Amino acid sequence: MNFKKALVSTLGTAAVLGAGIFAGTTSANADVRVTVQSGDTVSKIANQYNSSVSAIESANSLKNVNLIYVGESLVIPSSAATITTSAQSTQASQTTQSATPSTTSNTGTTTQATTQTQGTTSNNYSNTNNYSTTSNSSNTTSATTGTTSSASTSSSSTTSSSDASAKAWIANKESGGSYSARNGQYIGKYQLSASYLNGDYSAANQEKVANQYVASRYGSWAKAQAFWQANGWY
């Protein structure tokens, strides 16, 4: 009977001791509430209770950690809670920071690639169009110039040939092609008036004056020939 009482007493004491130890552990990790005294600062209180300024700021939703009032009641997180919260915050911050550069880098790479692609496409398109337009314009101009030149040359050649033939025909009719032929006041190969030749009866002057006369009167030797054929003189 005495043995049972002793056993119960021992178990009760152990339970009480265990509860005391548990309570002590809980109390050690529990937040503390303090009243601000004159001369207190958040930093001072944090050092005194082995906490941190950021933990006190967060626990009390302080807008300004440098401004607290005497008599104000503050919750001071325990050091264990502070360390845990701080570590979690740091880890979350590091995770966010690690992820952010990757996202930024990917975005930058995508933007750069897109810009480069657009720039290259735009430049290629622009260069191709410019080259095509310039080439076509050049070819068109060249073709037009060639055609005009050919037509001009052909016309000039035809006119020259026709005028040369008409000129030779008139010279033959007028003097038989002789620069020294004379018929009164008419002198030379083209039987020009002496006043036209102005005393210079050389072959070169006869050719020059004859060309000037026909150009001013008929416009061409071919027209002068047509007039001669119709009237017997020119």
C-alpha atoms as a PDB file:
ATOM      1  CA  MET A   1       0.000   0.000   0.000  1.00  0.00           C
ATOM      2  CA  ASN A   2       2.808   2.371   0.874  1.00  0.00           C
ATOM      3  CA  PHE A   3       4.641   1.288  -2.290  1.00  0.00           C
ATOM      4  CA  LYS A   4       1.670   2.282  -4.501  1.00  0.00           C
ATOM      5  CA  LYS A   5       1.462   5.688  -2.845  1.00  0.00           C
ATOM      6  CA  ALA A   6       5.125   6.231  -3.379  1.00  0.00           C
ATOM      7  CA  LEU A   7       4.810   5.226  -7.051  1.00  0.00           C
ATOM      8  CA  VAL A   8       1.858   7.572  -7.618  1.00  0.00           C
ATOM      9  CA  SER A   9       3.722  10.372  -5.860  1.00  0.00           C
ATOM     10  CA  THR A  10       6.786   9.794  -8.003  1.00  0.00           C
ATOM     11  CA  LEU A  11       4.775   9.755 -11.241  1.00  0.00           C
ATOM     12  CA  GLY A  12       2.962  12.920 -10.219  1.00  0.00           C
ATOM     13  CA  THR A  13       6.220  14.661  -9.494  1.00  0.00           C
ATOM     14  CA  ALA A  14       7.625  13.613 -12.897  1.00  0.00           C
ATOM     15  CA  ALA A  15       4.489  14.853 -14.636  1.00  0.00           C
ATOM     16  CA  VAL A  16       4.737  18.174 -12.875  1.00  0.00           C
ATOM     17  CA  LEU A  17       8.422  18.460 -13.714  1.00  0.00           C
ATOM     18  CA  GLY A  18       7.703  17.536 -17.336  1.00  0.00           C
ATOM     19  CA  ALA A  19       4.944  20.095 -17.552  1.00  0.00           C
ATOM     20  CA  GLY A  20       7.256  22.663 -16.010  1.00  0.00           C
ATOM     21  CA  ILE A  21       9.969  21.895 -18.523  1.00  0.00           C
ATOM     22  CA  PHE A  22       7.470  22.086 -21.420  1.00  0.00           C
ATOM     23  CA  ALA A  23       6.031  25.317 -20.093  1.00  0.00           C
ATOM     24  CA  GLY A  24       9.522  26.716 -19.731  1.00  0.00           C
ATOM     25  CA  THR A  25      10.352  25.802 -23.338  1.00  0.00           C
ATOM     26  CA  THR A  26       7.133  27.346 -24.606  1.00  0.00           C
ATOM     27  CA  SER A  27       7.746  30.463 -22.612  1.00  0.00           C
ATOM     28  CA  ALA A  28      11.259  30.758 -23.970  1.00  0.00           C
ATOM     29  CA  ASN A  29       9.949  30.660 -27.534  1.00  0.00           C
ATOM     30  CA  ALA A  30       6.850  32.821 -26.915  1.00  0.00           C
ATOM     31  CA  ASP A  31       6.604  36.477 -27.971  1.00  0.00           C
ATOM     32  CA  VAL A  32       7.097  39.088 -25.271  1.00  0.00           C
ATOM     33  CA  ARG A  33       5.038  42.235 -24.823  1.00  0.00           C
ATOM     34  CA  VAL A  34       6.856  45.261 -23.416  1.00  0.00           C
ATOM     35  CA  THR A  35       5.874  48.818 -22.616  1.00  0.00           C
ATOM     36  CA  VAL A  36       8.071  51.514 -24.114  1.00  0.00           C
ATOM     37  CA  GLN A  37      10.017  53.445 -21.470  1.00  0.00           C
ATOM     38  CA  SER A  38      11.680  56.836 -21.772  1.00  0.00           C
ATOM     39  CA  GLY A  39      14.900  56.489 -23.744  1.00  0.00           C
ATOM     40  CA  ASP A  40      13.852  53.253 -25.476  1.00  0.00           C
ATOM     41  CA  THR A  41      14.356  52.710 -29.193  1.00  0.00           C
ATOM     42  CA  VAL A  42      13.336  49.798 -31.373  1.00  0.00           C
ATOM     43  CA  SER A  43      16.987  48.874 -31.827  1.00  0.00           C
ATOM     44  CA  LYS A  44      17.627  48.974 -28.082  1.00  0.00           C
ATOM     45  CA  ILE A  45      14.578  46.817 -27.347  1.00  0.00           C
ATOM     46  CA  ALA A  46      15.560  44.363 -30.099  1.00  0.00           C
ATOM     47  CA  ASN A  47      19.047  43.942 -28.581  1.00  0.00           C
ATOM     48  CA  GLN A  48      17.621  43.645 -25.071  1.00  0.00           C
ATOM     49  CA  TYR A  49      15.225  40.836 -26.008  1.00  0.00           C
ATOM     50  CA  ASN A  50      17.510  39.139 -28.558  1.00  0.00           C
ATOM     51  CA  SER A  51      15.166  40.058 -31.419  1.00  0.00           C
ATOM     52  CA  SER A  52      15.584  42.231 -34.529  1.00  0.00           C
ATOM     53  CA  VAL A  53      14.353  45.629 -35.665  1.00  0.00           C
ATOM     54  CA  SER A  54      12.665  44.167 -38.750  1.00  0.00           C
ATOM     55  CA  ALA A  55      10.871  41.517 -36.648  1.00  0.00           C
ATOM     56  CA  ILE A  56       9.533  44.122 -34.228  1.00  0.00           C
ATOM     57  CA  GLU A  57       8.552  46.374 -37.113  1.00  0.00           C
ATOM     58  CA  SER A  58       6.662  43.549 -38.799  1.00  0.00           C
ATOM     59  CA  ALA A  59       5.011  42.250 -35.607  1.00  0.00           C
ATOM     60  CA  ASN A  60       3.692  45.699 -34.689  1.00  0.00           C
ATOM     61  CA  SER A  61       3.064  47.050 -38.199  1.00  0.00           C
ATOM     62  CA  LEU A  62       5.213  50.073 -37.462  1.00  0.00           C
ATOM     63  CA  LYS A  63       5.202  52.740 -40.157  1.00  0.00           C
ATOM     64  CA  ASN A  64       8.378  54.328 -38.826  1.00  0.00           C
ATOM     65  CA  VAL A  65      10.788  52.253 -36.698  1.00  0.00           C
ATOM     66  CA  ASN A  66      12.477  55.450 -35.579  1.00  0.00           C
ATOM     67  CA  LEU A  67       9.291  56.795 -34.002  1.00  0.00           C
ATOM     68  CA  ILE A  68       7.803  55.050 -30.913  1.00  0.00           C
ATOM     69  CA  TYR A  69       6.053  56.574 -27.911  1.00  0.00           C
ATOM     70  CA  VAL A  70       6.515  56.210 -24.147  1.00  0.00           C
ATOM     71  CA  GLY A  71       3.824  53.929 -22.756  1.00  0.00           C
ATOM     72  CA  GLU A  72       3.281  52.248 -26.133  1.00  0.00           C
ATOM     73  CA  SER A  73       2.922  48.451 -25.919  1.00  0.00           C
ATOM     74  CA  LEU A  74       5.061  46.464 -28.370  1.00  0.00           C
ATOM     75  CA  VAL A  75       5.124  42.762 -29.191  1.00  0.00           C
ATOM     76  CA  ILE A  76       8.694  41.478 -29.275  1.00  0.00           C
ATOM     77  CA  PRO A  77       9.059  38.258 -31.325  1.00  0.00           C
ATOM     78  CA  SER A  78      11.262  35.595 -29.731  1.00  0.00           C
ATOM     79  CA  SER A  79      14.739  35.011 -31.112  1.00  0.00           C
ATOM     80  CA  ALA A  80      13.705  31.577 -32.432  1.00  0.00           C
ATOM     81  CA  ALA A  81      10.733  33.048 -34.299  1.00  0.00           C
ATOM     82  CA  THR A  82      12.870  35.896 -35.517  1.00  0.00           C
ATOM     83  CA  ILE A  83      15.571  33.578 -36.836  1.00  0.00           C
ATOM     84  CA  THR A  84      13.024  31.317 -38.524  1.00  0.00           C
ATOM     85  CA  THR A  85      11.115  34.218 -40.076  1.00  0.00           C
ATOM     86  CA  SER A  86      14.307  35.919 -41.158  1.00  0.00           C
ATOM     87  CA  ALA A  87      15.650  32.730 -42.728  1.00  0.00           C
ATOM     88  CA  GLN A  88      12.381  32.102 -44.553  1.00  0.00           C
ATOM     89  CA  SER A  89      12.274  35.699 -45.792  1.00  0.00           C
ATOM     90  CA  THR A  90      15.895  35.514 -46.928  1.00  0.00           C
ATOM     91  CA  GLN A  91      15.305  32.207 -48.699  1.00  0.00           C
ATOM     92  CA  ALA A  92      12.174  33.532 -50.416  1.00  0.00           C
ATOM     93  CA  SER A  93      14.012  36.685 -51.429  1.00  0.00           C
ATOM     94  CA  GLN A  94      16.907  34.686 -52.864  1.00  0.00           C
ATOM     95  CA  THR A  95      14.510  32.420 -54.746  1.00  0.00           C
ATOM     96  CA  THR A  96      12.706  35.435 -56.199  1.00  0.00           C
ATOM     97  CA  GLN A  97      15.976  37.123 -57.127  1.00  0.00           C
ATOM     98  CA  SER A  98      17.271  33.948 -58.756  1.00  0.00           C
ATOM     99  CA  ALA A  99      14.109  33.579 -60.798  1.00  0.00           C
ATOM    100  CA  THR A 100      13.895  37.248 -61.783  1.00  0.00           C
ATOM    101  CA  PRO A 101      17.192  37.531 -63.713  1.00  0.00           C
ATOM    102  CA  SER A 102      16.307  34.388 -65.635  1.00  0.00           C
ATOM    103  CA  THR A 103      12.953  35.841 -66.617  1.00  0.00           C
ATOM    104  CA  THR A 104      14.538  39.171 -67.449  1.00  0.00           C
ATOM    105  CA  SER A 105      17.278  37.460 -69.428  1.00  0.00           C
ATOM    106  CA  ASN A 106      14.775  35.368 -71.367  1.00  0.00           C
ATOM    107  CA  THR A 107      12.660  38.437 -72.062  1.00  0.00           C
ATOM    108  CA  GLY A 108      15.713  40.390 -73.151  1.00  0.00           C
ATOM    109  CA  THR A 109      16.878  37.552 -75.377  1.00  0.00           C
ATOM    110  CA  THR A 110      13.428  37.175 -76.931  1.00  0.00           C
ATOM    111  CA  THR A 111      13.120  40.932 -77.499  1.00  0.00           C
ATOM    112  CA  GLN A 112      16.610  41.148 -78.937  1.00  0.00           C
ATOM    113  CA  ALA A 113      16.018  38.160 -81.224  1.00  0.00           C
ATOM    114  CA  THR A 114      12.690  39.594 -82.375  1.00  0.00           C
ATOM    115  CA  THR A 115      14.229  43.016 -82.986  1.00  0.00           C
ATOM    116  CA  GLN A 116      17.154  41.536 -84.875  1.00  0.00           C
ATOM    117  CA  THR A 117      14.829  39.383 -86.978  1.00  0.00           C
ATOM    118  CA  GLN A 118      12.576  42.326 -87.765  1.00  0.00           C
ATOM    119  CA  GLY A 119      15.570  44.545 -88.492  1.00  0.00           C
ATOM    120  CA  THR A 120      17.133  41.935 -90.791  1.00  0.00           C
ATOM    121  CA  THR A 121      13.850  41.272 -92.581  1.00  0.00           C
ATOM    122  CA  SER A 122      13.182  44.983 -92.962  1.00  0.00           C
ATOM    123  CA  ASN A 123      16.714  45.672 -94.226  1.00  0.00           C
ATOM    124  CA  ASN A 124      16.607  42.732 -96.647  1.00  0.00           C
ATOM    125  CA  TYR A 125      13.192  43.768 -97.930  1.00  0.00           C
ATOM    126  CA  SER A 126      14.283  47.387 -98.264  1.00  0.00           C
ATOM    127  CA  ASN A 127      17.550  46.473 -99.970  1.00  0.00           C
ATOM    128  CA  THR A 128      15.804  44.047-102.327  1.00  0.00           C
ATOM    129  CA  ASN A 129      13.169  46.602-103.271  1.00  0.00           C
ATOM    130  CA  ASN A 130      15.732  49.357-103.706  1.00  0.00           C
ATOM    131  CA  TYR A 131      17.913  47.131-105.848  1.00  0.00           C
ATOM    132  CA  SER A 132      14.939  45.954-107.879  1.00  0.00           C
ATOM    133  CA  THR A 133      13.615  49.496-108.364  1.00  0.00           C
ATOM    134  CA  THR A 134      17.036  50.886-109.222  1.00  0.00           C
ATOM    135  CA  SER A 135      17.767  47.996-111.541  1.00  0.00           C
ATOM    136  CA  ASN A 136      14.410  48.304-113.301  1.00  0.00           C
ATOM    137  CA  SER A 137      14.762  52.072-113.553  1.00  0.00           C
ATOM    138  CA  SER A 138      18.290  51.714-114.893  1.00  0.00           C
ATOM    139  CA  ASN A 139      17.229  49.072-117.406  1.00  0.00           C
ATOM    140  CA  THR A 140      14.242  51.172-118.510  1.00  0.00           C
ATOM    141  CA  THR A 141      16.393  54.293-118.878  1.00  0.00           C
ATOM    142  CA  SER A 142      19.044  52.329-120.733  1.00  0.00           C
ATOM    143  CA  ALA A 143      16.479  50.762-123.029  1.00  0.00           C
ATOM    144  CA  THR A 144      14.804  54.132-123.695  1.00  0.00           C
ATOM    145  CA  THR A 145      18.133  55.836-124.315  1.00  0.00           C
ATOM    146  CA  GLY A 146      19.222  53.000-126.589  1.00  0.00           C
ATOM    147  CA  THR A 147      15.973  53.141-128.532  1.00  0.00           C
ATOM    148  CA  THR A 148      16.095  56.925-128.843  1.00  0.00           C
ATOM    149  CA  SER A 149      19.744  56.820-129.817  1.00  0.00           C
ATOM    150  CA  SER A 150      19.092  54.116-132.381  1.00  0.00           C
ATOM    151  CA  ALA A 151      16.126  55.969-133.789  1.00  0.00           C
ATOM    152  CA  SER A 152      18.072  59.231-133.875  1.00  0.00           C
ATOM    153  CA  THR A 153      21.049  57.575-135.523  1.00  0.00           C
ATOM    154  CA  SER A 154      18.831  55.801-138.003  1.00  0.00           C
ATOM    155  CA  SER A 155      16.937  59.005-138.788  1.00  0.00           C
ATOM    156  CA  SER A 156      20.142  61.002-139.028  1.00  0.00           C
ATOM    157  CA  SER A 157      21.688  58.358-141.240  1.00  0.00           C
ATOM    158  CA  THR A 158      18.621  58.245-143.464  1.00  0.00           C
ATOM    159  CA  THR A 159      18.415  62.047-143.648  1.00  0.00           C
ATOM    160  CA  SER A 160      22.136  62.405-144.304  1.00  0.00           C
ATOM    161  CA  SER A 161      22.010  59.766-146.991  1.00  0.00           C
ATOM    162  CA  SER A 162      18.923  61.313-148.571  1.00  0.00           C
ATOM    163  CA  ASP A 163      20.348  64.861-148.379  1.00  0.00           C
ATOM    164  CA  ALA A 164      23.717  63.725-149.722  1.00  0.00           C
ATOM    165  CA  SER A 165      22.025  62.074-152.651  1.00  0.00           C
ATOM    166  CA  ALA A 166      19.827  65.134-153.268  1.00  0.00           C
ATOM    167  CA  LYS A 167      22.841  67.469-152.979  1.00  0.00           C
ATOM    168  CA  ALA A 168      24.848  65.443-155.506  1.00  0.00           C
ATOM    169  CA  TRP A 169      21.848  65.355-157.837  1.00  0.00           C
ATOM    170  CA  ILE A 170      21.462  69.166-157.765  1.00  0.00           C
ATOM    171  CA  ALA A 171      25.224  69.735-158.255  1.00  0.00           C
ATOM    172  CA  ASN A 172      25.178  67.495-161.290  1.00  0.00           C
ATOM    173  CA  LYS A 173      22.178  69.291-162.738  1.00  0.00           C
ATOM    174  CA  GLU A 174      23.643  72.769-162.082  1.00  0.00           C
ATOM    175  CA  SER A 175      27.285  72.352-163.136  1.00  0.00           C
ATOM    176  CA  GLY A 176      28.051  68.725-163.769  1.00  0.00           C
ATOM    177  CA  GLY A 177      29.750  68.729-160.360  1.00  0.00           C
ATOM    178  CA  SER A 178      32.462  71.296-161.281  1.00  0.00           C
ATOM    179  CA  TYR A 179      33.613  73.944-158.780  1.00  0.00           C
ATOM    180  CA  SER A 180      34.930  76.118-161.628  1.00  0.00           C
ATOM    181  CA  ALA A 181      31.748  76.190-163.726  1.00  0.00           C
ATOM    182  CA  ARG A 182      30.406  79.663-164.530  1.00  0.00           C
ATOM    183  CA  ASN A 183      27.156  80.935-165.989  1.00  0.00           C
ATOM    184  CA  GLY A 184      27.064  84.672-165.876  1.00  0.00           C
ATOM    185  CA  GLN A 185      26.769  85.739-162.247  1.00  0.00           C
ATOM    186  CA  TYR A 186      26.301  82.150-161.099  1.00  0.00           C
ATOM    187  CA  ILE A 187      29.496  80.440-160.104  1.00  0.00           C
ATOM    188  CA  GLY A 188      30.737  77.036-159.108  1.00  0.00           C
ATOM    189  CA  LYS A 189      29.433  73.575-158.399  1.00  0.00           C
ATOM    190  CA  TYR A 190      26.049  74.723-157.069  1.00  0.00           C
ATOM    191  CA  GLN A 191      25.741  77.778-159.374  1.00  0.00           C
ATOM    192  CA  LEU A 192      25.511  80.207-156.485  1.00  0.00           C
ATOM    193  CA  SER A 193      25.267  83.943-157.011  1.00  0.00           C
ATOM    194  CA  ALA A 194      28.645  85.692-156.800  1.00  0.00           C
ATOM    195  CA  SER A 195      27.194  87.949-154.095  1.00  0.00           C
ATOM    196  CA  TYR A 196      26.571  84.883-151.896  1.00  0.00           C
ATOM    197  CA  LEU A 197      30.171  83.717-152.208  1.00  0.00           C
ATOM    198  CA  ASN A 198      31.444  87.218-151.418  1.00  0.00           C
ATOM    199  CA  GLY A 199      34.504  86.873-153.655  1.00  0.00           C
ATOM    200  CA  ASP A 200      35.640  83.545-152.135  1.00  0.00           C
ATOM    201  CA  TYR A 201      35.211  80.867-154.819  1.00  0.00           C
ATOM    202  CA  SER A 202      37.095  78.091-153.055  1.00  0.00           C
ATOM    203  CA  ALA A 203      35.547  74.615-152.879  1.00  0.00           C
ATOM    204  CA  ALA A 204      35.246  74.810-149.111  1.00  0.00           C
ATOM    205  CA  ASN A 205      33.413  78.139-149.231  1.00  0.00           C
ATOM    206  CA  GLN A 206      31.123  76.907-152.018  1.00  0.00           C
ATOM    207  CA  GLU A 207      30.143  73.891-149.881  1.00  0.00           C
ATOM    208  CA  LYS A 208      29.564  76.038-146.806  1.00  0.00           C
ATOM    209  CA  VAL A 209      27.518  78.711-148.528  1.00  0.00           C
ATOM    210  CA  ALA A 210      25.473  76.120-150.472  1.00  0.00           C
ATOM    211  CA  ASN A 211      24.536  74.342-147.219  1.00  0.00           C
ATOM    212  CA  GLN A 212      23.565  77.634-145.552  1.00  0.00           C
ATOM    213  CA  TYR A 213      21.453  78.692-148.558  1.00  0.00           C
ATOM    214  CA  VAL A 214      19.543  75.401-148.765  1.00  0.00           C
ATOM    215  CA  ALA A 215      19.022  75.190-144.979  1.00  0.00           C
ATOM    216  CA  SER A 216      17.604  78.712-144.777  1.00  0.00           C
ATOM    217  CA  ARG A 217      15.457  78.455-147.925  1.00  0.00           C
ATOM    218  CA  TYR A 218      14.262  74.811-148.006  1.00  0.00           C
ATOM    219  CA  GLY A 219      15.330  73.215-144.751  1.00  0.00           C
ATOM    220  CA  SER A 220      17.028  70.263-146.463  1.00  0.00           C
ATOM    221  CA  TRP A 221      18.640  69.216-149.728  1.00  0.00           C
ATOM    222  CA  ALA A 222      15.846  66.692-150.270  1.00  0.00           C
ATOM    223  CA  LYS A 223      13.252  69.475-150.247  1.00  0.00           C
ATOM    224  CA  ALA A 224      15.468  71.607-152.457  1.00  0.00           C
ATOM    225  CA  GLN A 225      15.634  68.701-154.927  1.00  0.00           C
ATOM    226  CA  ALA A 226      11.850  68.354-154.895  1.00  0.00           C
ATOM    227  CA  PHE A 227      11.526  72.073-155.642  1.00  0.00           C
ATOM    228  CA  TRP A 228      14.092  71.843-158.488  1.00  0.00           C
ATOM    229  CA  GLN A 229      12.257  68.888-159.985  1.00  0.00           C
ATOM    230  CA  ALA A 230       9.026  70.867-159.908  1.00  0.00           C
ATOM    231  CA  ASN A 231      10.468  74.201-161.161  1.00  0.00           C
ATOM    232  CA  GLY A 232      13.761  73.482-162.951  1.00  0.00           C
ATOM    233  CA  TRP A 233      15.825  75.569-160.506  1.00  0.00           C
ATOM    234  CA  TYR A 234      16.312  75.915-156.776  1.00  0.00           C
END
